[in-house]
Amino acid sequence: MTTLLQIIATPRTGEASRTRQVARHFVDAWRAVHPTGDVETVDLGHMELPPMDAAMIAVLFDSPSHASKEQLARRRKVLDELVGQFKAADSYLFVTPMWNFGLPATLKHYFDLVIRPGWTFALGEHGPVGLLGGRTAHAVITRGFDYGPASPNAAHNHLEPHLRSLLGFMGIEELSVVAVEGTMLPGIDDRMEEGIRAATAMGLGLVAA
């Protein structure tokens, strides 16, 4: 059975979130193509990730720690579950706005946890090697202003390059993106319709970027 892991990085819900609205059309299209597939969701806007404290760093890198055995066991349990879920997926959908030119803090925190030695990457003879090759990733992104490739503000778009680097580090080289620009600008209804059509096509596997 094919599993799509949807990672949502906006605290807004329902119709208040344009990002979620567009992403729903991707998921509906994906389900049409994968009728026996499974969609799992990690809603970062409504869950508490474990802290990146000294105990968690010790667990991540299997290094000595002054933390208690009980605290280390708690950190390891939640990390094993989080990274295990990420590893088990066949494909990914990242549903995220761009905040201050980059990833929302919750999404960066999530990556800091799932990029785990021995699980999603390994240290090879010539440096790190991603362990999740063969998987595909998709992203539905919204931005308050226009940071598209043809925009004079394009150089300030650090979200996609960062996302590609994080995924590529784990061996996930294929990333397709639908971005809705200018959610705070006039004409957003038309751009939302364009984004919905593009997300539907991406979910059907008709486009790749």
C-alpha atoms as a PDB file:
ATOM      1  CA  MET A   1       0.000   0.000   0.000  1.00  0.00           C
ATOM      2  CA  THR A   2       1.301   3.441  -0.954  1.00  0.00           C
ATOM      3  CA  THR A   3       1.511   5.975   1.865  1.00  0.00           C
ATOM      4  CA  LEU A   4       1.453   9.746   1.457  1.00  0.00           C
ATOM      5  CA  LEU A   5       2.662  11.649   4.515  1.00  0.00           C
ATOM      6  CA  GLN A   6       1.165  15.142   4.641  1.00  0.00           C
ATOM      7  CA  ILE A   7       3.122  17.584   6.814  1.00  0.00           C
ATOM      8  CA  ILE A   8       1.163  20.765   7.530  1.00  0.00           C
ATOM      9  CA  ALA A   9       3.035  23.807   8.851  1.00  0.00           C
ATOM     10  CA  THR A  10       0.330  26.421   9.292  1.00  0.00           C
ATOM     11  CA  PRO A  11      -1.640  27.062  12.500  1.00  0.00           C
ATOM     12  CA  ARG A  12      -4.629  28.348  10.536  1.00  0.00           C
ATOM     13  CA  THR A  13      -7.458  25.910   9.904  1.00  0.00           C
ATOM     14  CA  GLY A  14     -10.392  25.475   7.541  1.00  0.00           C
ATOM     15  CA  GLU A  15     -11.235  28.289   5.172  1.00  0.00           C
ATOM     16  CA  ALA A  16      -8.960  30.639   7.113  1.00  0.00           C
ATOM     17  CA  SER A  17      -5.985  28.831   5.590  1.00  0.00           C
ATOM     18  CA  ARG A  18      -5.478  29.250   1.866  1.00  0.00           C
ATOM     19  CA  THR A  19      -2.572  26.821   2.094  1.00  0.00           C
ATOM     20  CA  ARG A  20      -4.795  24.048   3.440  1.00  0.00           C
ATOM     21  CA  GLN A  21      -7.494  24.857   0.885  1.00  0.00           C
ATOM     22  CA  VAL A  22      -5.138  24.322  -2.038  1.00  0.00           C
ATOM     23  CA  ALA A  23      -3.563  21.239  -0.453  1.00  0.00           C
ATOM     24  CA  ARG A  24      -6.955  19.544  -0.074  1.00  0.00           C
ATOM     25  CA  HIS A  25      -7.295  19.486  -3.866  1.00  0.00           C
ATOM     26  CA  PHE A  26      -3.898  17.797  -4.187  1.00  0.00           C
ATOM     27  CA  VAL A  27      -4.914  15.140  -1.656  1.00  0.00           C
ATOM     28  CA  ASP A  28      -8.273  14.523  -3.355  1.00  0.00           C
ATOM     29  CA  ALA A  29      -6.523  14.059  -6.713  1.00  0.00           C
ATOM     30  CA  TRP A  30      -3.857  11.824  -5.153  1.00  0.00           C
ATOM     31  CA  ARG A  31      -6.548   9.622  -3.615  1.00  0.00           C
ATOM     32  CA  ALA A  32      -8.213   9.287  -7.038  1.00  0.00           C
ATOM     33  CA  VAL A  33      -4.954   7.935  -8.468  1.00  0.00           C
ATOM     34  CA  HIS A  34      -4.192   5.798  -5.383  1.00  0.00           C
ATOM     35  CA  PRO A  35      -7.602   4.443  -4.279  1.00  0.00           C
ATOM     36  CA  THR A  36      -5.968   1.908  -1.955  1.00  0.00           C
ATOM     37  CA  GLY A  37      -3.341   4.360  -0.704  1.00  0.00           C
ATOM     38  CA  ASP A  38      -3.142   5.787   2.789  1.00  0.00           C
ATOM     39  CA  VAL A  39      -2.808   9.460   3.726  1.00  0.00           C
ATOM     40  CA  GLU A  40      -1.227  10.188   7.100  1.00  0.00           C
ATOM     41  CA  THR A  41      -1.060  13.728   8.448  1.00  0.00           C
ATOM     42  CA  VAL A  42       1.395  15.460  10.741  1.00  0.00           C
ATOM     43  CA  ASP A  43      -0.274  18.751  11.659  1.00  0.00           C
ATOM     44  CA  LEU A  44       2.560  20.829  13.073  1.00  0.00           C
ATOM     45  CA  GLY A  45       0.231  23.730  13.727  1.00  0.00           C
ATOM     46  CA  HIS A  46      -1.659  21.677  16.290  1.00  0.00           C
ATOM     47  CA  MET A  47       0.864  19.402  17.938  1.00  0.00           C
ATOM     48  CA  GLU A  48       3.769  19.859  20.309  1.00  0.00           C
ATOM     49  CA  LEU A  49       7.064  18.556  19.015  1.00  0.00           C
ATOM     50  CA  PRO A  50       9.588  17.349  21.576  1.00  0.00           C
ATOM     51  CA  PRO A  51      12.128  20.046  22.471  1.00  0.00           C
ATOM     52  CA  MET A  52      15.559  20.137  20.910  1.00  0.00           C
ATOM     53  CA  ASP A  53      17.207  20.045  24.308  1.00  0.00           C
ATOM     54  CA  ALA A  54      20.407  18.376  25.502  1.00  0.00           C
ATOM     55  CA  ALA A  55      18.614  15.082  26.065  1.00  0.00           C
ATOM     56  CA  MET A  56      17.181  15.073  22.540  1.00  0.00           C
ATOM     57  CA  ILE A  57      20.562  15.897  20.998  1.00  0.00           C
ATOM     58  CA  ALA A  58      22.066  12.991  22.935  1.00  0.00           C
ATOM     59  CA  VAL A  59      19.395  10.671  21.543  1.00  0.00           C
ATOM     60  CA  LEU A  60      19.746  12.015  18.001  1.00  0.00           C
ATOM     61  CA  PHE A  61      23.486  11.461  17.910  1.00  0.00           C
ATOM     62  CA  ASP A  62      23.632   8.541  20.353  1.00  0.00           C
ATOM     63  CA  SER A  63      26.045  10.505  22.526  1.00  0.00           C
ATOM     64  CA  PRO A  64      26.651  10.674  26.295  1.00  0.00           C
ATOM     65  CA  SER A  65      24.294  12.806  28.364  1.00  0.00           C
ATOM     66  CA  HIS A  66      23.801  13.994  31.933  1.00  0.00           C
ATOM     67  CA  ALA A  67      20.029  13.625  31.495  1.00  0.00           C
ATOM     68  CA  SER A  68      18.232  10.960  33.494  1.00  0.00           C
ATOM     69  CA  LYS A  69      17.537   7.567  31.948  1.00  0.00           C
ATOM     70  CA  GLU A  70      13.818   8.292  32.189  1.00  0.00           C
ATOM     71  CA  GLN A  71      14.121  11.564  30.260  1.00  0.00           C
ATOM     72  CA  LEU A  72      16.289   9.946  27.602  1.00  0.00           C
ATOM     73  CA  ALA A  73      13.798   7.092  27.255  1.00  0.00           C
ATOM     74  CA  ARG A  74      10.925   9.562  26.772  1.00  0.00           C
ATOM     75  CA  ARG A  75      12.848  11.486  24.138  1.00  0.00           C
ATOM     76  CA  ARG A  76      13.866   8.302  22.331  1.00  0.00           C
ATOM     77  CA  LYS A  77      10.308   6.945  22.262  1.00  0.00           C
ATOM     78  CA  VAL A  78       8.778  10.034  20.667  1.00  0.00           C
ATOM     79  CA  LEU A  79      11.695  10.457  18.262  1.00  0.00           C
ATOM     80  CA  ASP A  80      11.543   6.818  17.160  1.00  0.00           C
ATOM     81  CA  GLU A  81       7.835   7.216  16.407  1.00  0.00           C
ATOM     82  CA  LEU A  82       8.284  10.499  14.519  1.00  0.00           C
ATOM     83  CA  VAL A  83      11.227   9.360  12.394  1.00  0.00           C
ATOM     84  CA  GLY A  84       9.745   5.907  11.895  1.00  0.00           C
ATOM     85  CA  GLN A  85       6.607   7.465  10.436  1.00  0.00           C
ATOM     86  CA  PHE A  86       8.669   9.678   8.144  1.00  0.00           C
ATOM     87  CA  LYS A  87      10.782   6.752   6.924  1.00  0.00           C
ATOM     88  CA  ALA A  88       7.742   4.547   6.292  1.00  0.00           C
ATOM     89  CA  ALA A  89       6.161   6.977   3.813  1.00  0.00           C
ATOM     90  CA  ASP A  90       6.489   6.530   0.055  1.00  0.00           C
ATOM     91  CA  SER A  91       5.836  10.176  -0.763  1.00  0.00           C
ATOM     92  CA  TYR A  92       5.377  13.473   1.043  1.00  0.00           C
ATOM     93  CA  LEU A  93       3.236  16.584   0.802  1.00  0.00           C
ATOM     94  CA  PHE A  94       4.501  19.696   2.564  1.00  0.00           C
ATOM     95  CA  VAL A  95       1.747  22.230   3.178  1.00  0.00           C
ATOM     96  CA  THR A  96       3.348  25.473   4.238  1.00  0.00           C
ATOM     97  CA  PRO A  97       3.245  29.237   3.988  1.00  0.00           C
ATOM     98  CA  MET A  98       6.467  31.181   3.594  1.00  0.00           C
ATOM     99  CA  TRP A  99       7.223  33.163   6.735  1.00  0.00           C
ATOM    100  CA  ASN A 100       9.876  35.853   6.727  1.00  0.00           C
ATOM    101  CA  PHE A 101      11.374  34.498   3.498  1.00  0.00           C
ATOM    102  CA  GLY A 102      11.734  30.891   4.700  1.00  0.00           C
ATOM    103  CA  LEU A 103      10.318  27.897   6.529  1.00  0.00           C
ATOM    104  CA  PRO A 104       7.990  28.338   9.508  1.00  0.00           C
ATOM    105  CA  ALA A 105       9.838  27.503  12.723  1.00  0.00           C
ATOM    106  CA  THR A 106       7.710  24.414  13.361  1.00  0.00           C
ATOM    107  CA  LEU A 107       8.689  22.909   9.989  1.00  0.00           C
ATOM    108  CA  LYS A 108      12.380  23.603  10.584  1.00  0.00           C
ATOM    109  CA  HIS A 109      12.045  21.996  14.032  1.00  0.00           C
ATOM    110  CA  TYR A 110      10.426  18.941  12.440  1.00  0.00           C
ATOM    111  CA  PHE A 111      13.305  18.575   9.978  1.00  0.00           C
ATOM    112  CA  ASP A 112      15.819  18.968  12.809  1.00  0.00           C
ATOM    113  CA  LEU A 113      14.242  15.879  14.367  1.00  0.00           C
ATOM    114  CA  VAL A 114      13.687  13.631  11.343  1.00  0.00           C
ATOM    115  CA  ILE A 115      17.147  14.262   9.848  1.00  0.00           C
ATOM    116  CA  ARG A 116      18.568  11.553  12.072  1.00  0.00           C
ATOM    117  CA  PRO A 117      21.872   9.700  11.699  1.00  0.00           C
ATOM    118  CA  GLY A 118      21.429   6.033  10.865  1.00  0.00           C
ATOM    119  CA  TRP A 119      17.754   6.533  10.080  1.00  0.00           C
ATOM    120  CA  THR A 120      17.416   9.076   7.271  1.00  0.00           C
ATOM    121  CA  PHE A 121      21.101   9.603   6.465  1.00  0.00           C
ATOM    122  CA  ALA A 122      24.391   7.862   7.114  1.00  0.00           C
ATOM    123  CA  LEU A 123      28.018   8.889   7.178  1.00  0.00           C
ATOM    124  CA  GLY A 124      29.795   7.368   4.196  1.00  0.00           C
ATOM    125  CA  GLU A 125      33.426   7.316   3.176  1.00  0.00           C
ATOM    126  CA  HIS A 126      33.086  10.680   1.448  1.00  0.00           C
ATOM    127  CA  GLY A 127      30.527  12.331   3.724  1.00  0.00           C
ATOM    128  CA  PRO A 128      26.793  12.068   4.434  1.00  0.00           C
ATOM    129  CA  VAL A 129      24.626   9.778   2.314  1.00  0.00           C
ATOM    130  CA  GLY A 130      20.835  10.056   2.176  1.00  0.00           C
ATOM    131  CA  LEU A 131      18.952   6.865   2.992  1.00  0.00           C
ATOM    132  CA  LEU A 132      15.521   7.757   1.583  1.00  0.00           C
ATOM    133  CA  GLY A 133      16.233   7.581  -2.126  1.00  0.00           C
ATOM    134  CA  GLY A 134      13.398   6.660  -4.479  1.00  0.00           C
ATOM    135  CA  ARG A 135      10.750   8.647  -2.624  1.00  0.00           C
ATOM    136  CA  THR A 136       8.973  11.680  -4.057  1.00  0.00           C
ATOM    137  CA  ALA A 137       7.990  14.946  -2.408  1.00  0.00           C
ATOM    138  CA  HIS A 138       5.467  17.653  -3.224  1.00  0.00           C
ATOM    139  CA  ALA A 139       4.860  21.063  -1.721  1.00  0.00           C
ATOM    140  CA  VAL A 140       1.907  23.439  -1.659  1.00  0.00           C
ATOM    141  CA  ILE A 141       3.201  26.867  -0.682  1.00  0.00           C
ATOM    142  CA  THR A 142       1.557  30.241  -0.180  1.00  0.00           C
ATOM    143  CA  ARG A 143       3.244  33.620   0.062  1.00  0.00           C
ATOM    144  CA  GLY A 144       1.822  36.971   1.114  1.00  0.00           C
ATOM    145  CA  PHE A 145       3.613  38.827  -1.664  1.00  0.00           C
ATOM    146  CA  ASP A 146       5.042  37.807  -5.022  1.00  0.00           C
ATOM    147  CA  TYR A 147       8.337  35.941  -4.805  1.00  0.00           C
ATOM    148  CA  GLY A 148       7.912  33.926  -8.005  1.00  0.00           C
ATOM    149  CA  PRO A 149      10.773  33.308 -10.472  1.00  0.00           C
ATOM    150  CA  ALA A 150       9.803  36.326 -12.591  1.00  0.00           C
ATOM    151  CA  SER A 151       9.413  38.654  -9.599  1.00  0.00           C
ATOM    152  CA  PRO A 152      12.084  41.204  -8.624  1.00  0.00           C
ATOM    153  CA  ASN A 153      11.722  39.691  -5.132  1.00  0.00           C
ATOM    154  CA  ALA A 154      12.625  36.156  -6.256  1.00  0.00           C
ATOM    155  CA  ALA A 155      16.033  36.275  -4.544  1.00  0.00           C
ATOM    156  CA  HIS A 156      14.249  36.571  -1.178  1.00  0.00           C
ATOM    157  CA  ASN A 157      12.509  33.226  -1.630  1.00  0.00           C
ATOM    158  CA  HIS A 158      14.599  30.967   0.591  1.00  0.00           C
ATOM    159  CA  LEU A 159      11.852  28.426   1.215  1.00  0.00           C
ATOM    160  CA  GLU A 160      12.125  26.153  -1.837  1.00  0.00           C
ATOM    161  CA  PRO A 161      15.945  26.087  -1.919  1.00  0.00           C
ATOM    162  CA  HIS A 162      16.043  25.213   1.778  1.00  0.00           C
ATOM    163  CA  LEU A 163      13.356  22.565   1.393  1.00  0.00           C
ATOM    164  CA  ARG A 164      15.184  20.989  -1.550  1.00  0.00           C
ATOM    165  CA  SER A 165      18.447  20.941   0.426  1.00  0.00           C
ATOM    166  CA  LEU A 166      16.852  19.334   3.479  1.00  0.00           C
ATOM    167  CA  LEU A 167      15.120  16.660   1.429  1.00  0.00           C
ATOM    168  CA  GLY A 168      18.127  16.066  -0.795  1.00  0.00           C
ATOM    169  CA  PHE A 169      20.304  15.504   2.268  1.00  0.00           C
ATOM    170  CA  MET A 170      18.083  12.521   3.054  1.00  0.00           C
ATOM    171  CA  GLY A 171      18.198  11.283  -0.537  1.00  0.00           C
ATOM    172  CA  ILE A 172      14.816  12.659  -1.647  1.00  0.00           C
ATOM    173  CA  GLU A 173      15.715  14.356  -4.908  1.00  0.00           C
ATOM    174  CA  GLU A 174      12.314  14.732  -6.565  1.00  0.00           C
ATOM    175  CA  LEU A 175      10.291  17.740  -5.363  1.00  0.00           C
ATOM    176  CA  SER A 176       7.279  19.176  -7.210  1.00  0.00           C
ATOM    177  CA  VAL A 177       5.976  22.574  -6.103  1.00  0.00           C
ATOM    178  CA  VAL A 178       2.784  24.567  -6.472  1.00  0.00           C
ATOM    179  CA  ALA A 179       3.097  28.093  -5.087  1.00  0.00           C
ATOM    180  CA  VAL A 180       0.322  30.655  -4.744  1.00  0.00           C
ATOM    181  CA  GLU A 181       1.900  34.091  -4.764  1.00  0.00           C
ATOM    182  CA  GLY A 182       0.511  37.336  -3.385  1.00  0.00           C
ATOM    183  CA  THR A 183      -2.148  36.150  -0.943  1.00  0.00           C
ATOM    184  CA  MET A 184      -2.166  39.685   0.501  1.00  0.00           C
ATOM    185  CA  LEU A 185      -2.411  41.376  -2.889  1.00  0.00           C
ATOM    186  CA  PRO A 186      -5.392  42.208  -5.153  1.00  0.00           C
ATOM    187  CA  GLY A 187      -6.492  39.461  -7.512  1.00  0.00           C
ATOM    188  CA  ILE A 188      -5.891  36.625  -5.073  1.00  0.00           C
ATOM    189  CA  ASP A 189      -9.128  34.833  -5.992  1.00  0.00           C
ATOM    190  CA  ASP A 190      -7.881  34.263  -9.529  1.00  0.00           C
ATOM    191  CA  ARG A 191      -4.481  33.130  -8.280  1.00  0.00           C
ATOM    192  CA  MET A 192      -6.146  30.734  -5.843  1.00  0.00           C
ATOM    193  CA  GLU A 193      -8.079  29.177  -8.708  1.00  0.00           C
ATOM    194  CA  GLU A 194      -4.847  28.780 -10.647  1.00  0.00           C
ATOM    195  CA  GLY A 195      -3.193  27.223  -7.617  1.00  0.00           C
ATOM    196  CA  ILE A 196      -6.058  24.788  -7.100  1.00  0.00           C
ATOM    197  CA  ARG A 197      -5.887  23.669 -10.733  1.00  0.00           C
ATOM    198  CA  ALA A 198      -2.113  23.232 -10.482  1.00  0.00           C
ATOM    199  CA  ALA A 199      -2.360  21.317  -7.196  1.00  0.00           C
ATOM    200  CA  THR A 200      -4.995  19.026  -8.680  1.00  0.00           C
ATOM    201  CA  ALA A 201      -2.777  18.331 -11.680  1.00  0.00           C
ATOM    202  CA  MET A 202       0.195  17.696  -9.388  1.00  0.00           C
ATOM    203  CA  GLY A 203      -1.873  15.267  -7.314  1.00  0.00           C
ATOM    204  CA  LEU A 204      -2.835  13.415 -10.484  1.00  0.00           C
ATOM    205  CA  GLY A 205       0.830  13.139 -11.386  1.00  0.00           C
ATOM    206  CA  LEU A 206       0.471  15.321 -14.472  1.00  0.00           C
ATOM    207  CA  VAL A 207       3.090  17.943 -13.624  1.00  0.00           C
ATOM    208  CA  ALA A 208       6.472  18.082 -11.944  1.00  0.00           C
ATOM    209  CA  ALA A 209       8.744  21.015 -11.163  1.00  0.00           C
END
